């Protein structure tokens, strides 16, 4: 379970789900403001180098034994 929680794709999907839930439940939800927050968050992740190496196996692909690609 701990390995699944380290998957960045899981967290991106959960934040997307949160946005969808907010749009459906909160009256007068400002979708433009939500998109600005998401864009800012993604820019910070790119600048920090968190999402710059897709070959590390942290997203939706499984790691191969020994190779890591």
PDB file of N, CA and C in Angstrom:
ATOM      1  N   UNK A   1       0.825  -1.197   0.000  1.00  0.00           N
ATOM      2  CA  UNK A   1       0.000   0.000   0.000  1.00  0.00           C
ATOM      3  C   UNK A   1       0.867   1.259   0.000  1.00  0.00           C
ATOM      4  N   UNK A   2       1.974   1.213   0.710  1.00  0.00           N
ATOM      5  CA  UNK A   2       2.851   2.378   0.785  1.00  0.00           C
ATOM      6  C   UNK A   2       3.424   2.740  -0.582  1.00  0.00           C
ATOM      7  N   UNK A   3       3.729   1.719  -1.398  1.00  0.00           N
ATOM      8  CA  UNK A   3       4.241   1.971  -2.747  1.00  0.00           C
ATOM      9  C   UNK A   3       3.178   2.648  -3.613  1.00  0.00           C
ATOM     10  N   UNK A   4       1.932   2.271  -3.425  1.00  0.00           N
ATOM     11  CA  UNK A   4       0.856   2.882  -4.205  1.00  0.00           C
ATOM     12  C   UNK A   4       0.690   4.353  -3.852  1.00  0.00           C
ATOM     13  N   UNK A   5       0.905   4.697  -2.587  1.00  0.00           N
ATOM     14  CA  UNK A   5       0.774   6.088  -2.173  1.00  0.00           C
ATOM     15  C   UNK A   5       1.920   6.954  -2.683  1.00  0.00           C
ATOM     16  N   UNK A   6       3.024   6.346  -3.091  1.00  0.00           N
ATOM     17  CA  UNK A   6       4.152   7.094  -3.643  1.00  0.00           C
ATOM     18  C   UNK A   6       3.972   7.392  -5.127  1.00  0.00           C
ATOM     19  N   UNK A   7       2.970   6.800  -5.749  1.00  0.00           N
ATOM     20  CA  UNK A   7       2.731   6.990  -7.174  1.00  0.00           C
ATOM     21  C   UNK A   7       2.154   8.378  -7.421  1.00  0.00           C
ATOM     22  N   UNK A   8       2.865   9.179  -8.193  1.00  0.00           N
ATOM     23  CA  UNK A   8       2.442  10.560  -8.455  1.00  0.00           C
ATOM     24  C   UNK A   8       1.186  10.619  -9.299  1.00  0.00           C
ATOM     25  N   UNK A   9       1.003   9.653 -10.160  1.00  0.00           N
ATOM     26  CA  UNK A   9      -0.203   9.613 -10.981  1.00  0.00           C
ATOM     27  C   UNK A   9      -1.456   9.471 -10.136  1.00  0.00           C
ATOM     28  N   UNK A  10      -1.362   8.719  -9.048  1.00  0.00           N
ATOM     29  CA  UNK A  10      -2.489   8.568  -8.131  1.00  0.00           C
ATOM     30  C   UNK A  10      -2.894   9.916  -7.559  1.00  0.00           C
ATOM     31  N   UNK A  11      -1.918  10.704  -7.134  1.00  0.00           N
ATOM     32  CA  UNK A  11      -2.216  11.996  -6.514  1.00  0.00           C
ATOM     33  C   UNK A  11      -2.770  12.993  -7.528  1.00  0.00           C
ATOM     34  N   UNK A  12      -2.271  12.970  -8.746  1.00  0.00           N
ATOM     35  CA  UNK A  12      -2.817  13.845  -9.787  1.00  0.00           C
ATOM     36  C   UNK A  12      -4.274  13.472 -10.053  1.00  0.00           C
ATOM     37  N   UNK A  13      -4.555  12.178 -10.126  1.00  0.00           N
ATOM     38  CA  UNK A  13      -5.925  11.724 -10.361  1.00  0.00           C
ATOM     39  C   UNK A  13      -6.848  12.101  -9.200  1.00  0.00           C
ATOM     40  N   UNK A  14      -6.359  11.994  -7.970  1.00  0.00           N
ATOM     41  CA  UNK A  14      -7.181  12.355  -6.812  1.00  0.00           C
ATOM     42  C   UNK A  14      -7.481  13.850  -6.776  1.00  0.00           C
ATOM     43  N   UNK A  15      -6.491  14.688  -7.121  1.00  0.00           N
ATOM     44  CA  UNK A  15      -6.749  16.128  -7.163  1.00  0.00           C
ATOM     45  C   UNK A  15      -7.736  16.476  -8.272  1.00  0.00           C
ATOM     46  N   UNK A  16      -7.678  15.757  -9.378  1.00  0.00           N
ATOM     47  CA  UNK A  16      -8.655  15.970 -10.448  1.00  0.00           C
ATOM     48  C   UNK A  16     -10.051  15.588  -9.972  1.00  0.00           C
ATOM     49  N   UNK A  17     -10.136  14.480  -9.258  1.00  0.00           N
ATOM     50  CA  UNK A  17     -11.422  14.052  -8.711  1.00  0.00           C
ATOM     51  C   UNK A  17     -11.956  15.082  -7.721  1.00  0.00           C
ATOM     52  N   UNK A  18     -11.082  15.644  -6.903  1.00  0.00           N
ATOM     53  CA  UNK A  18     -11.497  16.671  -5.952  1.00  0.00           C
ATOM     54  C   UNK A  18     -12.100  17.870  -6.685  1.00  0.00           C
ATOM     55  N   UNK A  19     -11.460  18.287  -7.769  1.00  0.00           N
ATOM     56  CA  UNK A  19     -11.999  19.396  -8.553  1.00  0.00           C
ATOM     57  C   UNK A  19     -13.364  19.085  -9.124  1.00  0.00           C
ATOM     58  N   UNK A  20     -13.544  17.860  -9.613  1.00  0.00           N
ATOM     59  CA  UNK A  20     -14.844  17.469 -10.162  1.00  0.00           C
ATOM     60  C   UNK A  20     -15.918  17.458  -9.080  1.00  0.00           C
ATOM     61  N   UNK A  21     -15.570  16.972  -7.896  1.00  0.00           N
ATOM     62  CA  UNK A  21     -16.534  16.940  -6.790  1.00  0.00           C
ATOM     63  C   UNK A  21     -16.915  18.356  -6.380  1.00  0.00           C
ATOM     64  N   UNK A  22     -15.917  19.246  -6.301  1.00  0.00           N
ATOM     65  CA  UNK A  22     -16.210  20.632  -5.942  1.00  0.00           C
ATOM     66  C   UNK A  22     -17.118  21.296  -6.971  1.00  0.00           C
ATOM     67  N   UNK A  23     -16.879  21.034  -8.251  1.00  0.00           N
ATOM     68  CA  UNK A  23     -17.720  21.625  -9.296  1.00  0.00           C
ATOM     69  C   UNK A  23     -19.163  21.149  -9.190  1.00  0.00           C
ATOM     70  N   UNK A  24     -19.355  19.898  -8.770  1.00  0.00           N
ATOM     71  CA  UNK A  24     -20.705  19.344  -8.687  1.00  0.00           C
ATOM     72  C   UNK A  24     -21.435  19.735  -7.412  1.00  0.00           C
ATOM     73  N   UNK A  25     -20.718  19.996  -6.331  1.00  0.00           N
ATOM     74  CA  UNK A  25     -21.375  20.195  -5.042  1.00  0.00           C
ATOM     75  C   UNK A  25     -21.419  21.641  -4.568  1.00  0.00           C
ATOM     76  N   UNK A  26     -20.459  22.464  -4.957  1.00  0.00           N
ATOM     77  CA  UNK A  26     -20.400  23.840  -4.464  1.00  0.00           C
ATOM     78  C   UNK A  26     -21.117  24.761  -5.447  1.00  0.00           C
ATOM     79  N   UNK A  27     -22.143  25.461  -4.969  1.00  0.00           N
ATOM     80  CA  UNK A  27     -22.825  26.387  -5.874  1.00  0.00           C
ATOM     81  C   UNK A  27     -21.909  27.560  -6.231  1.00  0.00           C
ATOM     82  N   UNK A  28     -21.960  27.988  -7.463  1.00  0.00           N
ATOM     83  CA  UNK A  28     -21.166  29.114  -7.970  1.00  0.00           C
ATOM     84  C   UNK A  28     -19.671  28.856  -7.839  1.00  0.00           C
ATOM     85  N   UNK A  29     -19.265  27.613  -8.059  1.00  0.00           N
ATOM     86  CA  UNK A  29     -17.838  27.257  -8.004  1.00  0.00           C
ATOM     87  C   UNK A  29     -17.118  27.892  -9.186  1.00  0.00           C
ATOM     88  N   UNK A  30     -16.026  28.587  -8.922  1.00  0.00           N
ATOM     89  CA  UNK A  30     -15.274  29.301  -9.961  1.00  0.00           C
ATOM     90  C   UNK A  30     -14.242  28.366 -10.586  1.00  0.00           C
ATOM     91  N   UNK A  31     -14.585  27.793 -11.747  1.00  0.00           N
ATOM     92  CA  UNK A  31     -13.701  26.841 -12.417  1.00  0.00           C
ATOM     93  C   UNK A  31     -12.416  27.511 -12.883  1.00  0.00           C
ATOM     94  N   UNK A  32     -12.484  28.776 -13.261  1.00  0.00           N
ATOM     95  CA  UNK A  32     -11.287  29.485 -13.707  1.00  0.00           C
ATOM     96  C   UNK A  32     -10.252  29.605 -12.608  1.00  0.00           C
ATOM     97  N   UNK A  33     -10.704  29.864 -11.402  1.00  0.00           N
ATOM     98  CA  UNK A  33      -9.782  29.981 -10.259  1.00  0.00           C
ATOM     99  C   UNK A  33      -9.155  28.623  -9.947  1.00  0.00           C
ATOM    100  N   UNK A  34      -9.943  27.553 -10.027  1.00  0.00           N
ATOM    101  CA  UNK A  34      -9.420  26.206  -9.796  1.00  0.00           C
ATOM    102  C   UNK A  34      -8.342  25.872 -10.822  1.00  0.00           C
ATOM    103  N   UNK A  35      -8.587  26.224 -12.083  1.00  0.00           N
ATOM    104  CA  UNK A  35      -7.599  25.968 -13.134  1.00  0.00           C
ATOM    105  C   UNK A  35      -6.316  26.748 -12.890  1.00  0.00           C
ATOM    106  N   UNK A  36      -6.426  27.962 -12.363  1.00  0.00           N
ATOM    107  CA  UNK A  36      -5.231  28.746 -12.047  1.00  0.00           C
ATOM    108  C   UNK A  36      -4.413  28.062 -10.958  1.00  0.00           C
ATOM    109  N   UNK A  37      -5.076  27.549  -9.938  1.00  0.00           N
ATOM    110  CA  UNK A  37      -4.364  26.837  -8.872  1.00  0.00           C
ATOM    111  C   UNK A  37      -3.681  25.579  -9.404  1.00  0.00           C
ATOM    112  N   UNK A  38      -4.374  24.838 -10.252  1.00  0.00           N
ATOM    113  CA  UNK A  38      -3.796  23.618 -10.820  1.00  0.00           C
ATOM    114  C   UNK A  38      -2.587  23.958 -11.687  1.00  0.00           C
ATOM    115  N   UNK A  39      -2.715  24.982 -12.525  1.00  0.00           N
ATOM    116  CA  UNK A  39      -1.588  25.394 -13.368  1.00  0.00           C
ATOM    117  C   UNK A  39      -0.393  25.827 -12.530  1.00  0.00           C
ATOM    118  N   UNK A  40      -0.634  26.602 -11.483  1.00  0.00           N
ATOM    119  CA  UNK A  40       0.447  27.045 -10.602  1.00  0.00           C
ATOM    120  C   UNK A  40       1.119  25.860  -9.919  1.00  0.00           C
ATOM    121  N   UNK A  41       0.320  24.910  -9.458  1.00  0.00           N
ATOM    122  CA  UNK A  41       0.857  23.719  -8.800  1.00  0.00           C
ATOM    123  C   UNK A  41       1.729  22.912  -9.758  1.00  0.00           C
ATOM    124  N   UNK A  42       1.275  22.750 -10.996  1.00  0.00           N
ATOM    125  CA  UNK A  42       2.060  22.005 -11.982  1.00  0.00           C
ATOM    126  C   UNK A  42       3.349  22.730 -12.353  1.00  0.00           C
ATOM    127  N   UNK A  43       3.308  24.053 -12.452  1.00  0.00           N
ATOM    128  CA  UNK A  43       4.526  24.822 -12.734  1.00  0.00           C
ATOM    129  C   UNK A  43       5.538  24.644 -11.613  1.00  0.00           C
ATOM    130  N   UNK A  44       5.073  24.661 -10.383  1.00  0.00           N
ATOM    131  CA  UNK A  44       5.974  24.462  -9.240  1.00  0.00           C
ATOM    132  C   UNK A  44       6.587  23.068  -9.284  1.00  0.00           C
ATOM    133  N   UNK A  45       5.794  22.047  -9.601  1.00  0.00           N
ATOM    134  CA  UNK A  45       6.325  20.688  -9.685  1.00  0.00           C
ATOM    135  C   UNK A  45       7.355  20.550 -10.797  1.00  0.00           C
ATOM    136  N   UNK A  46       7.101  21.186 -11.940  1.00  0.00           N
ATOM    137  CA  UNK A  46       8.061  21.136 -13.045  1.00  0.00           C
ATOM    138  C   UNK A  46       9.340  21.866 -12.664  1.00  0.00           C
ATOM    139  N   UNK A  47       9.215  23.042 -12.066  1.00  0.00           N
ATOM    140  CA  UNK A  47      10.391  23.822 -11.673  1.00  0.00           C
ATOM    141  C   UNK A  47      11.223  23.094 -10.624  1.00  0.00           C
ATOM    142  N   UNK A  48      10.564  22.350  -9.753  1.00  0.00           N
ATOM    143  CA  UNK A  48      11.277  21.606  -8.716  1.00  0.00           C
ATOM    144  C   UNK A  48      11.861  20.301  -9.245  1.00  0.00           C
ATOM    145  N   UNK A  49      11.514  19.929 -10.473  1.00  0.00           N
ATOM    146  CA  UNK A  49      12.037  18.704 -11.065  1.00  0.00           C
ATOM    147  C   UNK A  49      11.314  17.450 -10.633  1.00  0.00           C
ATOM    148  N   UNK A  50      10.151  17.606 -10.035  1.00  0.00           N
ATOM    149  CA  UNK A  50       9.412  16.449  -9.539  1.00  0.00           C
ATOM    150  C   UNK A  50       8.827  15.639 -10.687  1.00  0.00           C
ATOM    151  N   UNK A  51       8.348  16.300 -11.734  1.00  0.00           N
ATOM    152  CA  UNK A  51       7.704  15.571 -12.827  1.00  0.00           C
ATOM    153  C   UNK A  51       8.512  15.629 -14.112  1.00  0.00           C
ATOM    154  N   UNK A  52       9.820  15.795 -14.002  1.00  0.00           N
ATOM    155  CA  UNK A  52      10.638  15.927 -15.206  1.00  0.00           C
ATOM    156  C   UNK A  52      11.253  14.618 -15.679  1.00  0.00           C
ATOM    157  N   UNK A  53      11.157  13.540 -14.915  1.00  0.00           N
ATOM    158  CA  UNK A  53      11.789  12.282 -15.305  1.00  0.00           C
ATOM    159  C   UNK A  53      10.755  11.163 -15.348  1.00  0.00           C
ATOM    160  N   UNK A  54      10.050  11.009 -16.468  1.00  0.00           N
ATOM    161  CA  UNK A  54       9.015   9.988 -16.534  1.00  0.00           C
ATOM    162  C   UNK A  54       9.544   8.561 -16.596  1.00  0.00           C
ATOM    163  N   UNK A  55      10.849   8.366 -16.820  1.00  0.00           N
ATOM    164  CA  UNK A  55      11.390   7.011 -16.916  1.00  0.00           C
ATOM    165  C   UNK A  55      11.674   6.396 -15.553  1.00  0.00           C
ATOM    166  N   UNK A  56      11.402   7.108 -14.475  1.00  0.00           N
ATOM    167  CA  UNK A  56      11.697   6.588 -13.143  1.00  0.00           C
ATOM    168  C   UNK A  56      10.619   5.638 -12.626  1.00  0.00           C
ATOM    169  N   UNK A  57       9.492   5.519 -13.316  1.00  0.00           N
ATOM    170  CA  UNK A  57       8.445   4.592 -12.897  1.00  0.00           C
ATOM    171  C   UNK A  57       7.583   5.100 -11.772  1.00  0.00           C
ATOM    172  N   UNK A  58       7.436   6.399 -11.645  1.00  0.00           N
ATOM    173  CA  UNK A  58       6.633   6.957 -10.562  1.00  0.00           C
ATOM    174  C   UNK A  58       5.212   7.297 -10.998  1.00  0.00           C
ATOM    175  N   UNK A  59       4.896   7.116 -12.277  1.00  0.00           N
ATOM    176  CA  UNK A  59       3.577   7.498 -12.755  1.00  0.00           C
ATOM    177  C   UNK A  59       2.725   6.267 -12.982  1.00  0.00           C
ATOM    178  N   UNK A  60       2.277   6.005 -14.177  1.00  0.00           N
ATOM    179  CA  UNK A  60       1.350   4.911 -14.418  1.00  0.00           C
ATOM    180  C   UNK A  60       2.018   3.647 -14.933  1.00  0.00           C
ATOM    181  N   UNK A  61       3.296   3.704 -15.248  1.00  0.00           N
ATOM    182  CA  UNK A  61       4.018   2.528 -15.729  1.00  0.00           C
ATOM    183  C   UNK A  61       4.639   1.788 -14.548  1.00  0.00           C
ATOM    184  N   UNK A  62       4.728   0.466 -14.656  1.00  0.00           N
ATOM    185  CA  UNK A  62       5.383  -0.334 -13.631  1.00  0.00           C
ATOM    186  C   UNK A  62       6.886  -0.305 -13.831  1.00  0.00           C
ATOM    187  N   UNK A  63       7.611  -0.425 -12.737  1.00  0.00           N
ATOM    188  CA  UNK A  63       9.065  -0.547 -12.820  1.00  0.00           C
ATOM    189  C   UNK A  63       9.424  -1.945 -13.288  1.00  0.00           C
ATOM    190  N   UNK A  64      10.415  -2.034 -14.156  1.00  0.00           N
ATOM    191  CA  UNK A  64      10.951  -3.340 -14.520  1.00  0.00           C
ATOM    192  C   UNK A  64      12.030  -3.685 -13.507  1.00  0.00           C
ATOM    193  N   UNK A  65      12.141  -4.940 -13.184  1.00  0.00           N
ATOM    194  CA  UNK A  65      13.143  -5.370 -12.217  1.00  0.00           C
ATOM    195  C   UNK A  65      14.539  -5.123 -12.752  1.00  0.00           C
ATOM    196  N   UNK A  66      15.351  -4.427 -11.982  1.00  0.00           N
ATOM    197  CA  UNK A  66      16.745  -4.215 -12.333  1.00  0.00           C
ATOM    198  C   UNK A  66      17.003  -3.051 -13.249  1.00  0.00           C
ATOM    199  N   UNK A  67      16.091  -2.713 -14.145  1.00  0.00           N
ATOM    200  CA  UNK A  67      16.343  -1.660 -15.120  1.00  0.00           C
ATOM    201  C   UNK A  67      15.846  -0.296 -14.697  1.00  0.00           C
ATOM    202  N   UNK A  68      14.705  -0.241 -14.066  1.00  0.00           N
ATOM    203  CA  UNK A  68      14.121   1.010 -13.657  1.00  0.00           C
ATOM    204  C   UNK A  68      13.522   1.828 -14.793  1.00  0.00           C
ATOM    205  N   UNK A  69      13.500   1.290 -16.012  1.00  0.00           N
ATOM    206  CA  UNK A  69      12.919   2.018 -17.141  1.00  0.00           C
ATOM    207  C   UNK A  69      11.562   1.466 -17.476  1.00  0.00           C
TER     208      UNK A  69
END
